[in-house]
């Protein structure tokens, strides 16, 4: 049977890719607790240790299967953002991957050989960060690292 600590341990590596999780009390009697992906889905962890997606088709037997599903979806979103040129989404994921506590990216653009973004954290002034490569290359590299 999976516990809250099992789910926290399984989902912790995904925070390096810009995902944040909140663990809540259940909204119904069948669940032990809920895992809420910030700006995303909510998953109910059932009494038997398995999980089901609230308002969705996903379900699984343990914490590792939930981590695989969330990683797959995040990789898909990052790849789509990279293909469409969504520099803000890609820069936020890259900043999180480097350990920065970025809350928002105000400006992101590409130059000849790099991507430049201005970002701000919860308690920091505006900062500028330059990444070597294009938005597409950075986003696809992160997506491949997340889900090879």
Protein backbone atom coordinates (compact mmCIF):
# COMPACT_ATOMS: atom_id res chain seq x y z
CA UNK A 1 0.00 0.00 0.00
CA UNK A 2 1.40 3.37 -1.02
CA UNK A 3 1.61 6.15 1.51
CA UNK A 4 1.89 9.90 1.23
CA UNK A 5 5.67 9.62 1.61
CA UNK A 6 5.81 7.18 -1.33
CA UNK A 7 3.93 9.63 -3.54
CA UNK A 8 6.07 12.57 -2.44
CA UNK A 9 9.26 10.60 -3.14
CA UNK A 10 8.04 9.47 -6.57
CA UNK A 11 6.96 12.96 -7.65
CA UNK A 12 9.89 14.93 -6.17
CA UNK A 13 12.23 14.47 -9.21
CA UNK A 14 9.59 16.05 -11.46
CA UNK A 15 9.96 19.39 -9.69
CA UNK A 16 13.21 19.83 -11.64
CA UNK A 17 11.05 20.29 -14.73
CA UNK A 18 8.83 23.04 -13.38
CA UNK A 19 6.07 20.93 -11.85
CA UNK A 20 4.76 21.74 -8.39
CA UNK A 21 2.54 19.53 -6.26
CA UNK A 22 0.23 20.16 -3.34
CA UNK A 23 -1.01 17.36 -1.08
CA UNK A 24 -4.52 17.87 0.31
CA UNK A 25 -7.19 16.23 2.35
CA UNK A 26 -9.52 14.11 0.26
CA UNK A 27 -12.78 15.48 -1.08
CA UNK A 28 -14.56 12.14 -0.62
CA UNK A 29 -14.50 9.18 1.73
CA UNK A 30 -12.87 6.75 -0.74
CA UNK A 31 -9.59 8.65 -0.91
CA UNK A 32 -6.77 8.87 1.62
CA UNK A 33 -5.41 12.13 0.18
CA UNK A 34 -5.27 14.09 -3.07
CA UNK A 35 -2.25 15.08 -5.12
CA UNK A 36 -2.86 18.37 -6.87
CA UNK A 37 -0.54 19.32 -9.71
CA UNK A 38 -0.28 23.12 -9.54
CA UNK A 39 -1.96 24.49 -12.69
CA UNK A 40 -2.89 20.95 -13.67
CA UNK A 41 -4.84 17.85 -12.72
CA UNK A 42 -5.86 16.47 -9.36
CA UNK A 43 -5.34 12.79 -8.52
CA UNK A 44 -7.12 10.98 -5.69
CA UNK A 45 -5.10 8.33 -3.84
CA UNK A 46 -7.44 5.57 -2.77
CA UNK A 47 -7.45 3.46 0.37
CA UNK A 48 -5.76 0.54 -1.42
CA UNK A 49 -2.76 2.67 -2.47
CA UNK A 50 -3.79 3.13 -6.10
CA UNK A 51 -4.79 6.43 -7.65
CA UNK A 52 -7.44 7.78 -10.02
CA UNK A 53 -7.50 11.01 -11.94
CA UNK A 54 -10.29 13.32 -10.91
CA UNK A 55 -12.25 14.41 -13.99
CA UNK A 56 -10.13 12.25 -16.28
CA UNK A 57 -9.51 8.71 -17.51
CA UNK A 58 -6.21 8.03 -15.73
CA UNK A 59 -5.82 5.39 -13.02
CA UNK A 60 -2.95 3.36 -11.68
CA UNK A 61 -1.79 0.98 -8.97
CA UNK A 62 1.00 2.95 -7.28
CA UNK A 63 3.05 6.15 -6.97
CA UNK A 64 5.51 5.18 -9.72
CA UNK A 65 2.73 4.86 -12.29
CA UNK A 66 1.45 8.32 -11.37
CA UNK A 67 4.95 9.77 -11.73
CA UNK A 68 5.27 8.15 -15.19
CA UNK A 69 1.92 9.59 -16.33
CA UNK A 70 2.72 13.10 -15.09
CA UNK A 71 6.21 12.95 -16.65
CA UNK A 72 4.75 11.80 -19.98
CA UNK A 73 2.22 14.64 -20.01
CA UNK A 74 4.84 17.24 -19.04
CA UNK A 75 7.21 16.00 -21.75
CA UNK A 76 4.40 16.25 -24.29
CA UNK A 77 3.58 19.84 -23.19
CA UNK A 78 7.26 20.83 -23.33
CA UNK A 79 7.68 19.35 -26.80
CA UNK A 80 4.56 21.15 -28.02
CA UNK A 81 5.77 24.43 -26.50
CA UNK A 82 9.15 23.96 -28.18
CA UNK A 83 7.57 23.24 -31.56
CA UNK A 84 5.24 26.25 -31.37
CA UNK A 85 7.95 28.60 -30.10
CA UNK A 86 6.42 29.18 -26.65
CA UNK A 87 9.61 30.63 -25.17
CA UNK A 88 8.10 31.48 -21.79
CA UNK A 89 7.05 27.91 -21.03
CA UNK A 90 10.40 26.53 -22.18
CA UNK A 91 12.38 29.12 -20.19
CA UNK A 92 10.36 28.45 -17.01
CA UNK A 93 11.07 24.73 -17.34
CA UNK A 94 14.77 25.36 -17.99
CA UNK A 95 15.07 27.72 -15.03
CA UNK A 96 13.39 25.14 -12.77
CA UNK A 97 15.75 22.49 -14.15
CA UNK A 98 18.71 24.63 -13.09
CA UNK A 99 17.25 25.09 -9.61
CA UNK A 100 16.01 28.67 -9.91
CA UNK A 101 12.77 29.49 -8.13
CA UNK A 102 11.21 31.33 -11.05
CA UNK A 103 7.62 32.45 -10.77
CA UNK A 104 7.23 34.30 -14.03
CA UNK A 105 9.07 35.00 -17.26
CA UNK A 106 8.20 38.43 -18.60
CA UNK A 107 10.22 38.43 -21.78
CA UNK A 108 11.85 35.67 -23.76
CA UNK A 109 13.36 35.92 -27.21
CA UNK A 110 15.93 34.24 -29.42
CA UNK A 111 19.06 35.81 -30.81
CA UNK A 112 21.45 34.22 -33.29
CA UNK A 113 22.81 31.51 -30.97
CA UNK A 114 21.01 31.88 -27.67
CA UNK A 115 17.70 32.37 -25.92
CA UNK A 116 17.41 35.30 -23.54
CA UNK A 117 14.74 35.53 -20.85
CA UNK A 118 13.89 37.97 -18.10
CA UNK A 119 12.41 36.33 -15.03
CA UNK A 120 11.42 37.01 -11.45
CA UNK A 121 11.22 34.74 -8.41
CA UNK A 122 8.97 35.04 -5.35
CA UNK A 123 11.39 37.26 -3.41
CA UNK A 124 13.89 38.34 -6.06
CA UNK A 125 14.13 41.31 -8.39
CA UNK A 126 14.05 40.89 -12.14
CA UNK A 127 16.91 38.86 -13.52
CA UNK A 128 18.16 38.04 -16.97
CA UNK A 129 19.37 34.60 -18.06
CA UNK A 130 20.91 33.52 -21.35
CA UNK A 131 20.67 29.91 -22.55
CA UNK A 132 22.80 28.54 -25.36
CA UNK A 133 20.58 27.31 -28.19
CA UNK A 134 17.13 27.93 -29.60
CA UNK A 135 13.80 27.64 -27.82
CA UNK A 136 13.04 24.55 -29.88
CA UNK A 137 16.33 22.86 -29.04
CA UNK A 138 16.12 23.65 -25.32
CA UNK A 139 12.51 22.49 -25.04
CA UNK A 140 13.03 19.26 -26.96
CA UNK A 141 16.16 18.45 -24.92
CA UNK A 142 14.20 18.89 -21.68
CA UNK A 143 11.32 16.78 -23.02
CA UNK A 144 13.73 14.00 -24.00
CA UNK A 145 15.45 14.10 -20.63
CA UNK A 146 12.08 13.87 -18.90
CA UNK A 147 10.85 11.00 -21.04
CA UNK A 148 13.54 9.25 -23.13
